[in-house]
Protein backbone atom coordinates (compact mmCIF):
# COMPACT_ATOMS: atom_id res chain seq x y z
CA MET A 1 0.05 -0.08 -0.01
CA GLU A 2 1.34 3.24 -1.05
CA LYS A 3 1.81 6.24 1.91
CA PHE A 4 -0.77 8.81 2.01
CA TYR A 5 1.94 11.24 3.10
CA LYS A 6 5.57 12.49 1.77
CA ILE A 7 8.51 13.53 4.05
CA ILE A 8 9.44 16.69 2.72
CA GLY A 9 12.15 17.69 5.00
CA SER A 10 14.00 16.42 7.98
CA GLN A 11 16.27 18.26 10.29
CA THR A 12 18.53 16.90 13.29
CA PHE A 13 19.77 18.95 16.07
CA PRO A 14 22.46 17.06 17.57
CA ARG A 15 23.10 19.35 20.63
CA PHE A 16 19.41 18.69 21.64
CA HIS A 17 19.42 15.28 20.38
CA THR A 18 16.21 15.88 18.32
CA THR A 19 15.15 14.97 14.77
CA LYS A 20 12.26 16.97 13.24
CA TYR A 21 10.36 15.84 10.48
CA LYS A 22 8.10 17.83 8.01
CA ILE A 23 5.38 16.01 6.29
CA ARG A 24 2.90 16.65 3.35
CA LEU A 25 -0.26 14.74 2.66
CA LYS A 26 -0.86 13.54 -0.37
CA ARG A 27 -4.73 12.92 0.24
CA THR A 28 -7.25 14.30 2.45
CA ILE A 29 -7.49 12.73 6.00
CA THR A 30 -10.81 10.93 6.73
CA GLY A 31 -9.99 9.25 9.85
CA PRO A 32 -7.69 11.68 11.91
CA VAL A 33 -6.93 9.25 14.64
CA ASN A 34 -5.89 6.36 12.61
CA ASP A 35 -4.23 8.51 9.97
CA PHE A 36 -2.07 10.48 12.48
CA MET A 37 -1.50 7.23 14.26
CA THR A 38 -0.30 5.66 11.15
CA ILE A 39 2.13 8.37 10.43
CA LEU A 40 3.81 8.53 13.52
CA GLN A 41 3.93 4.66 14.04
CA ASP A 42 5.85 4.45 10.34
CA LEU A 43 8.39 7.22 11.36
CA ILE A 44 9.03 5.50 14.93
CA ARG A 45 9.53 1.86 13.12
CA SER A 46 11.26 3.21 10.20
CA ASN A 47 13.85 5.02 12.14
CA ASN A 48 14.11 2.44 15.34
CA PHE A 49 13.67 4.99 17.82
CA GLN A 50 14.15 4.06 21.57
CA SER A 51 11.39 4.21 23.96
CA HIS A 52 13.12 7.10 26.41
CA MET A 53 12.46 9.42 23.34
CA VAL A 54 9.69 12.09 23.71
CA VAL A 55 7.03 12.78 20.74
CA SER A 56 5.86 16.30 19.96
CA PHE A 57 3.81 16.91 16.95
CA GLY A 58 1.43 19.56 15.48
CA ALA A 59 -0.38 20.07 11.91
CA ARG A 60 -1.45 22.87 10.00
CA ASP A 61 -5.11 22.49 8.63
CA SER A 62 -6.42 23.56 4.87
CA HIS A 63 -7.49 26.98 6.42
CA ASP A 64 -4.41 27.52 8.35
CA LYS A 65 -5.47 26.58 11.84
CA GLU A 66 -2.82 24.94 13.58
CA PHE A 67 -2.54 22.52 16.66
CA PHE A 68 0.37 21.44 18.39
CA ILE A 69 0.86 18.50 21.02
CA ASN A 70 3.85 18.02 23.18
CA ARG A 71 2.36 17.31 26.65
CA TYR A 72 -0.70 15.15 27.89
CA GLN A 73 -1.79 15.38 31.61
CA ARG A 74 1.00 17.70 31.99
CA GLN A 75 3.54 14.84 31.07
CA PRO A 76 5.79 14.29 28.11
CA ILE A 77 4.67 12.00 25.48
CA TYR A 78 6.91 8.99 25.08
CA ILE A 79 7.54 6.77 21.97
CA ASP A 80 5.89 3.63 23.91
CA GLN A 81 2.68 5.79 24.65
CA MET A 82 2.40 6.63 20.75
CA MET A 83 2.59 2.98 19.87
CA ASP A 84 -0.11 2.31 22.34
CA ARG A 85 -3.62 1.61 20.46
CA ASP A 86 -5.67 2.72 23.65
CA PHE A 87 -3.58 5.85 24.74
CA PHE A 88 -3.26 7.53 21.44
CA PRO A 89 -6.62 7.66 20.26
CA THR A 90 -7.78 8.89 23.92
CA MET A 91 -5.06 11.57 24.02
CA LEU A 92 -5.75 12.72 20.28
CA LEU A 93 -9.63 13.03 20.95
CA VAL A 94 -9.23 14.55 24.20
CA VAL A 95 -7.01 17.29 22.80
CA CYS A 96 -9.10 17.89 19.57
CA SER A 97 -12.48 17.92 21.40
CA LYS A 98 -10.96 20.95 23.13
CA ILE A 99 -10.50 22.62 19.61
CA LEU A 100 -13.86 21.47 18.33
CA ASN A 101 -15.81 22.68 21.45
CA SER A 102 -14.52 26.03 20.97
CA GLY A 103 -16.30 26.41 17.57
CA GLN A 104 -13.46 25.77 15.33
CA SER A 105 -13.04 22.91 12.94
CA LEU A 106 -9.82 21.10 11.34
CA GLU A 107 -9.82 19.90 7.96
CA PHE A 108 -6.75 18.17 6.66
CA GLU A 109 -6.94 18.05 2.80
CA GLN A 110 -4.23 16.93 0.34
CA HIS A 111 -1.01 19.31 0.82
CA CYS A 112 -1.56 20.04 4.34
CA THR A 113 1.60 19.95 6.47
CA ILE A 114 2.65 18.10 9.66
CA THR A 115 5.62 18.54 11.83
CA ILE A 116 6.78 15.74 14.16
CA SER A 117 9.90 15.96 16.64
CA PHE A 118 11.54 13.13 18.57
CA THR A 119 13.87 14.02 21.36
CA GLN A 120 16.05 11.55 23.20
CA PHE A 121 16.16 12.33 26.99
CA PRO A 122 18.98 11.28 29.22
CA PHE A 123 18.80 8.67 31.63
CA GLU A 124 19.04 10.75 34.34
CA TYR A 125 15.90 12.34 33.40
CA LEU A 126 13.77 9.03 33.14
CA ALA A 127 15.24 8.11 36.55
CA GLN A 128 13.78 11.07 38.12
CA ARG A 129 10.44 11.07 36.36
CA GLY A 130 10.03 7.49 37.80
CA SER A 131 10.77 8.47 41.50
CA ARG A 132 8.67 11.46 41.42
CA SER A 133 5.37 10.61 40.44
CA ASN A 134 3.31 13.39 42.06
CA SER A 135 5.89 16.55 41.78
CA GLU A 136 7.37 18.76 39.61
CA ILE A 137 10.20 17.10 37.59
CA ARG A 138 13.47 18.68 37.23
CA ILE A 139 15.98 18.00 34.50
CA LEU A 140 19.61 17.64 36.02
CA ASN A 141 22.95 17.00 34.28
CA ILE A 142 21.98 17.32 30.71
CA GLU A 143 25.07 17.52 28.54
């Protein structure tokens, strides 16, 4: 099956351990949850990203409206969560319902762009995240 999107650019920021992709749709999105999930999972699989990477993504629709997701329930979004067929639809529906309840609508027709970033976090951050479940998380020793 041919992909319904094309990667039109990618940038790597070694200092921040980040890879950013810009994607253009080849067809109109009819099922946003499944289509966004397919795009993200394809990128994750093809690049063999590790589970301790954080994902953020955004899109600009056909009417120049944009959304960007980098956190969910005040926590970063990890790759293993993006691969979870229960977590991803719930997260996307919660975020998009806020947009739709504001009277706005999102339409992703052919040639819309999507930006996706993958950032690798150091082990020290992950260890702190696990030991501080209800408190603020601070990043230490990032070099």
